[in-house]
Amino acid sequence: MRRLFLLFATLGLYSAPALAETGESAKEVGICEACAGLLELALDHPRRDQDRARDAWRHPAQTLTFFRIEPGMTVVDYIPGSGWYTRILAPYLGESGRYLALNPDV
C-alpha cells in the first residue's frame, strides 16, 4: 500500500473551485467516480457544518485529487491542528484506509 505524507501547511495555495460549486464531473478533475461519491458524502456530513464555510478557500476536493488520495490508502496528517482535514479524511479513507495524525514533540 502506498503511504502518503502530507504537509497541510501548504494546502491553502491551490485555487481551483470545489466540485460542487462548478458542477464539474469527477472525471474532469481527475478523480474516479466511486471516489467522488465517497468524497461528496464525507464533505456533506453534518459534523462538518461549521467547516463548510472554509471549503471555498481550502478546496478539499481539488486538494485530495492533487495528492491522489483515494479510499483505502494510509494518510499521515502532519500537525492536524483543529481537525478540519481530519473530519474529511477519516470517513473518506473508509474502513480499509488508515488516518494517522502526527504531532511531533516540539
N, C-alpha and C. Protein backbone atom coordinates (compact mmCIF):
# COMPACT_ATOMS: atom_id res chain seq x y z
N MET A 1 0.85 -1.18 0.00
CA MET A 1 0.00 0.00 0.00
C MET A 1 0.89 1.24 0.00
N ARG A 2 0.52 2.19 -0.83
CA ARG A 2 1.29 3.43 -0.87
C ARG A 2 1.04 4.23 0.40
N ARG A 3 2.09 4.85 0.88
CA ARG A 3 1.95 5.75 2.02
C ARG A 3 2.16 7.17 1.54
N LEU A 4 1.31 8.03 1.97
CA LEU A 4 1.37 9.41 1.51
C LEU A 4 1.48 10.34 2.71
N PHE A 5 2.52 11.13 2.72
CA PHE A 5 2.73 12.07 3.80
C PHE A 5 2.36 13.46 3.30
N LEU A 6 1.49 14.10 4.03
CA LEU A 6 1.01 15.41 3.62
C LEU A 6 1.46 16.48 4.60
N LEU A 7 1.89 17.57 4.09
CA LEU A 7 2.18 18.74 4.91
C LEU A 7 1.05 19.71 4.67
N PHE A 8 0.10 19.74 5.59
CA PHE A 8 -1.10 20.52 5.39
C PHE A 8 -0.88 22.02 5.52
N ALA A 9 0.32 22.43 5.88
CA ALA A 9 0.59 23.86 5.94
C ALA A 9 0.57 24.49 4.56
N THR A 10 0.76 23.70 3.50
CA THR A 10 0.82 24.24 2.15
C THR A 10 -0.48 24.10 1.38
N LEU A 11 -1.50 23.55 1.96
CA LEU A 11 -2.71 23.24 1.22
C LEU A 11 -3.55 24.44 0.83
N GLY A 12 -3.38 25.55 1.45
CA GLY A 12 -4.17 26.71 1.12
C GLY A 12 -3.75 27.39 -0.18
N LEU A 13 -2.75 26.87 -0.88
CA LEU A 13 -2.21 27.52 -2.06
C LEU A 13 -2.95 27.19 -3.35
N TYR A 14 -3.84 26.23 -3.36
CA TYR A 14 -4.50 25.82 -4.59
C TYR A 14 -5.83 26.53 -4.71
N SER A 15 -6.12 27.08 -5.88
CA SER A 15 -7.28 27.95 -6.00
C SER A 15 -8.34 27.46 -6.97
N ALA A 16 -8.37 26.16 -7.27
CA ALA A 16 -9.44 25.66 -8.14
C ALA A 16 -10.74 25.58 -7.36
N PRO A 17 -11.88 25.89 -7.97
CA PRO A 17 -13.16 25.83 -7.26
C PRO A 17 -13.56 24.40 -6.93
N ALA A 18 -14.36 24.23 -5.90
CA ALA A 18 -14.79 22.90 -5.45
C ALA A 18 -15.71 22.26 -6.48
N LEU A 19 -15.77 20.93 -6.48
CA LEU A 19 -16.61 20.18 -7.42
C LEU A 19 -18.06 20.65 -7.38
N ALA A 20 -18.59 20.77 -6.17
CA ALA A 20 -20.00 21.12 -6.03
C ALA A 20 -20.27 22.53 -6.55
N GLU A 21 -19.30 23.42 -6.44
CA GLU A 21 -19.50 24.79 -6.86
C GLU A 21 -19.49 24.94 -8.37
N THR A 22 -18.69 24.13 -9.07
CA THR A 22 -18.54 24.29 -10.51
C THR A 22 -19.43 23.35 -11.30
N GLY A 23 -19.90 22.27 -10.67
CA GLY A 23 -20.69 21.29 -11.38
C GLY A 23 -19.85 20.39 -12.28
N GLU A 24 -18.52 20.44 -12.13
CA GLU A 24 -17.66 19.58 -12.93
C GLU A 24 -17.84 18.14 -12.51
N SER A 25 -17.67 17.24 -13.46
CA SER A 25 -17.75 15.83 -13.13
C SER A 25 -16.44 15.39 -12.49
N ALA A 26 -16.49 14.28 -11.79
CA ALA A 26 -15.30 13.75 -11.14
C ALA A 26 -14.21 13.45 -12.16
N LYS A 27 -14.60 12.98 -13.33
CA LYS A 27 -13.63 12.65 -14.37
C LYS A 27 -12.86 13.89 -14.83
N GLU A 28 -13.54 15.05 -14.89
CA GLU A 28 -12.90 16.28 -15.34
C GLU A 28 -11.81 16.77 -14.40
N VAL A 29 -11.96 16.50 -13.11
CA VAL A 29 -10.93 16.93 -12.16
C VAL A 29 -9.99 15.80 -11.81
N GLY A 30 -10.16 14.62 -12.41
CA GLY A 30 -9.19 13.54 -12.25
C GLY A 30 -9.42 12.60 -11.09
N ILE A 31 -10.64 12.47 -10.62
CA ILE A 31 -10.93 11.55 -9.52
C ILE A 31 -11.92 10.50 -10.03
N CYS A 32 -11.77 9.27 -9.58
CA CYS A 32 -12.65 8.20 -10.05
C CYS A 32 -14.08 8.45 -9.57
N GLU A 33 -15.06 7.95 -10.31
CA GLU A 33 -16.47 8.19 -9.97
C GLU A 33 -16.83 7.67 -8.58
N ALA A 34 -16.34 6.46 -8.23
CA ALA A 34 -16.64 5.89 -6.90
C ALA A 34 -16.02 6.75 -5.81
N CYS A 35 -14.79 7.23 -6.04
CA CYS A 35 -14.12 8.08 -5.06
C CYS A 35 -14.86 9.40 -4.91
N ALA A 36 -15.35 9.94 -6.01
CA ALA A 36 -16.08 11.21 -5.97
C ALA A 36 -17.33 11.09 -5.12
N GLY A 37 -18.03 9.98 -5.24
CA GLY A 37 -19.22 9.77 -4.42
C GLY A 37 -18.89 9.71 -2.94
N LEU A 38 -17.82 9.00 -2.60
CA LEU A 38 -17.40 8.91 -1.20
C LEU A 38 -16.93 10.26 -0.68
N LEU A 39 -16.24 11.00 -1.53
CA LEU A 39 -15.77 12.32 -1.13
C LEU A 39 -16.94 13.27 -0.88
N GLU A 40 -17.94 13.23 -1.75
CA GLU A 40 -19.12 14.07 -1.54
C GLU A 40 -19.82 13.73 -0.24
N LEU A 41 -19.91 12.44 0.08
CA LEU A 41 -20.52 12.03 1.35
C LEU A 41 -19.72 12.58 2.53
N ALA A 42 -18.40 12.49 2.45
CA ALA A 42 -17.55 12.99 3.54
C ALA A 42 -17.68 14.50 3.68
N LEU A 43 -17.74 15.21 2.54
CA LEU A 43 -17.84 16.67 2.58
C LEU A 43 -19.20 17.15 3.05
N ASP A 44 -20.25 16.39 2.77
CA ASP A 44 -21.61 16.79 3.14
C ASP A 44 -22.05 16.30 4.52
N HIS A 45 -21.19 15.61 5.24
CA HIS A 45 -21.57 15.06 6.54
C HIS A 45 -21.94 16.19 7.51
N PRO A 46 -22.99 15.99 8.31
CA PRO A 46 -23.44 17.03 9.24
C PRO A 46 -22.37 17.48 10.25
N ARG A 47 -21.43 16.63 10.59
CA ARG A 47 -20.41 17.04 11.57
C ARG A 47 -19.50 18.14 11.00
N ARG A 48 -19.57 18.38 9.69
CA ARG A 48 -18.76 19.41 9.04
C ARG A 48 -19.54 20.71 8.81
N ASP A 49 -20.67 20.88 9.45
CA ASP A 49 -21.49 22.07 9.22
C ASP A 49 -20.70 23.37 9.40
N GLN A 50 -19.92 23.47 10.45
CA GLN A 50 -19.15 24.68 10.71
C GLN A 50 -17.92 24.78 9.80
N ASP A 51 -17.41 23.64 9.34
CA ASP A 51 -16.22 23.61 8.47
C ASP A 51 -16.52 24.08 7.05
N ARG A 52 -17.74 23.90 6.61
CA ARG A 52 -18.10 24.15 5.22
C ARG A 52 -17.83 25.58 4.77
N ALA A 53 -17.87 26.52 5.68
CA ALA A 53 -17.61 27.92 5.33
C ALA A 53 -16.18 28.11 4.82
N ARG A 54 -15.25 27.27 5.26
CA ARG A 54 -13.85 27.39 4.84
C ARG A 54 -13.54 26.60 3.56
N ASP A 55 -14.47 25.77 3.11
CA ASP A 55 -14.25 24.95 1.91
C ASP A 55 -13.95 25.82 0.68
N ALA A 56 -14.56 26.98 0.60
CA ALA A 56 -14.36 27.84 -0.57
C ALA A 56 -12.91 28.29 -0.70
N TRP A 57 -12.18 28.37 0.41
CA TRP A 57 -10.79 28.80 0.37
C TRP A 57 -9.81 27.62 0.43
N ARG A 58 -10.23 26.52 1.02
CA ARG A 58 -9.32 25.38 1.18
C ARG A 58 -9.43 24.35 0.06
N HIS A 59 -10.51 24.33 -0.68
CA HIS A 59 -10.70 23.46 -1.84
C HIS A 59 -10.38 21.99 -1.55
N PRO A 60 -11.14 21.35 -0.66
CA PRO A 60 -10.80 19.98 -0.27
C PRO A 60 -10.82 18.97 -1.41
N ALA A 61 -11.78 19.07 -2.33
CA ALA A 61 -11.86 18.09 -3.43
C ALA A 61 -10.62 18.18 -4.32
N GLN A 62 -10.21 19.39 -4.67
CA GLN A 62 -9.05 19.55 -5.53
C GLN A 62 -7.76 19.17 -4.80
N THR A 63 -7.70 19.44 -3.51
CA THR A 63 -6.50 19.10 -2.73
C THR A 63 -6.32 17.59 -2.68
N LEU A 64 -7.38 16.86 -2.38
CA LEU A 64 -7.27 15.40 -2.31
C LEU A 64 -6.99 14.80 -3.68
N THR A 65 -7.52 15.42 -4.73
CA THR A 65 -7.23 14.97 -6.10
C THR A 65 -5.77 15.24 -6.44
N PHE A 66 -5.27 16.41 -6.09
CA PHE A 66 -3.88 16.77 -6.36
C PHE A 66 -2.92 15.77 -5.72
N PHE A 67 -3.20 15.37 -4.47
CA PHE A 67 -2.33 14.43 -3.77
C PHE A 67 -2.67 12.97 -4.08
N ARG A 68 -3.65 12.75 -4.98
CA ARG A 68 -4.06 11.41 -5.41
C ARG A 68 -4.49 10.54 -4.23
N ILE A 69 -5.22 11.12 -3.30
CA ILE A 69 -5.71 10.39 -2.14
C ILE A 69 -6.98 9.65 -2.53
N GLU A 70 -7.02 8.36 -2.22
CA GLU A 70 -8.17 7.53 -2.54
C GLU A 70 -8.55 6.69 -1.31
N PRO A 71 -9.79 6.25 -1.24
CA PRO A 71 -10.19 5.39 -0.13
C PRO A 71 -9.29 4.15 -0.05
N GLY A 72 -8.99 3.74 1.16
CA GLY A 72 -8.15 2.56 1.38
C GLY A 72 -6.68 2.87 1.56
N MET A 73 -6.28 4.11 1.33
CA MET A 73 -4.88 4.49 1.48
C MET A 73 -4.55 4.78 2.94
N THR A 74 -3.26 4.89 3.21
CA THR A 74 -2.77 5.35 4.51
C THR A 74 -2.31 6.79 4.32
N VAL A 75 -2.85 7.69 5.14
CA VAL A 75 -2.52 9.10 5.04
C VAL A 75 -2.03 9.58 6.40
N VAL A 76 -0.90 10.27 6.40
CA VAL A 76 -0.36 10.87 7.61
C VAL A 76 -0.60 12.37 7.53
N ASP A 77 -1.32 12.88 8.49
CA ASP A 77 -1.62 14.30 8.58
C ASP A 77 -0.61 14.92 9.55
N TYR A 78 0.30 15.72 9.03
CA TYR A 78 1.35 16.32 9.85
C TYR A 78 0.82 17.57 10.54
N ILE A 79 0.79 17.54 11.85
CA ILE A 79 0.26 18.59 12.71
C ILE A 79 -1.18 18.95 12.29
N PRO A 80 -2.14 18.09 12.60
CA PRO A 80 -3.51 18.28 12.13
C PRO A 80 -4.25 19.51 12.65
N GLY A 81 -3.79 20.15 13.67
CA GLY A 81 -4.43 21.38 14.13
C GLY A 81 -5.82 21.15 14.67
N SER A 82 -6.80 21.89 14.16
CA SER A 82 -8.17 21.83 14.68
C SER A 82 -8.96 20.64 14.16
N GLY A 83 -8.45 19.92 13.18
CA GLY A 83 -9.13 18.73 12.68
C GLY A 83 -10.00 18.95 11.46
N TRP A 84 -9.82 20.07 10.77
CA TRP A 84 -10.62 20.36 9.58
C TRP A 84 -10.45 19.25 8.55
N TYR A 85 -9.22 18.86 8.22
CA TYR A 85 -8.99 17.78 7.27
C TYR A 85 -9.29 16.41 7.88
N THR A 86 -9.14 16.28 9.17
CA THR A 86 -9.45 15.01 9.83
C THR A 86 -10.90 14.63 9.60
N ARG A 87 -11.80 15.60 9.69
CA ARG A 87 -13.22 15.33 9.51
C ARG A 87 -13.57 15.00 8.07
N ILE A 88 -12.67 15.27 7.13
CA ILE A 88 -12.87 14.86 5.74
C ILE A 88 -12.19 13.52 5.49
N LEU A 89 -10.93 13.41 5.89
CA LEU A 89 -10.12 12.24 5.56
C LEU A 89 -10.58 10.96 6.25
N ALA A 90 -10.90 11.03 7.52
CA ALA A 90 -11.26 9.81 8.25
C ALA A 90 -12.43 9.07 7.60
N PRO A 91 -13.54 9.72 7.30
CA PRO A 91 -14.63 8.98 6.64
C PRO A 91 -14.32 8.66 5.17
N TYR A 92 -13.58 9.52 4.48
CA TYR A 92 -13.27 9.30 3.07
C TYR A 92 -12.36 8.09 2.87
N LEU A 93 -11.39 7.88 3.75
CA LEU A 93 -10.47 6.75 3.62
C LEU A 93 -11.17 5.42 3.87
N GLY A 94 -12.22 5.44 4.65
CA GLY A 94 -13.03 4.24 4.88
C GLY A 94 -12.40 3.27 5.86
N GLU A 95 -13.04 2.13 6.02
CA GLU A 95 -12.59 1.14 6.98
C GLU A 95 -11.26 0.49 6.59
N SER A 96 -11.00 0.41 5.28
CA SER A 96 -9.76 -0.22 4.85
C SER A 96 -8.59 0.76 4.82
N GLY A 97 -8.86 2.04 4.97
CA GLY A 97 -7.80 3.04 4.98
C GLY A 97 -7.34 3.35 6.39
N ARG A 98 -6.24 4.08 6.47
CA ARG A 98 -5.71 4.48 7.78
C ARG A 98 -5.45 5.98 7.77
N TYR A 99 -5.91 6.63 8.82
CA TYR A 99 -5.63 8.05 9.02
C TYR A 99 -4.73 8.14 10.26
N LEU A 100 -3.55 8.72 10.09
CA LEU A 100 -2.61 8.88 11.19
C LEU A 100 -2.34 10.36 11.40
N ALA A 101 -2.57 10.83 12.61
CA ALA A 101 -2.28 12.22 12.96
C ALA A 101 -0.89 12.25 13.61
N LEU A 102 0.03 13.03 13.03
CA LEU A 102 1.40 13.10 13.51
C LEU A 102 1.63 14.46 14.15
N ASN A 103 1.81 14.44 15.46
CA ASN A 103 2.11 15.65 16.21
C ASN A 103 3.48 15.48 16.84
N PRO A 104 4.53 16.01 16.20
CA PRO A 104 5.87 15.83 16.74
C PRO A 104 6.05 16.59 18.05
N ASP A 105 6.92 16.07 18.90
CA ASP A 105 7.24 16.73 20.15
C ASP A 105 8.17 17.91 19.83
N VAL A 106 7.68 19.10 20.08
CA VAL A 106 8.47 20.27 19.69
C VAL A 106 9.38 20.73 20.80
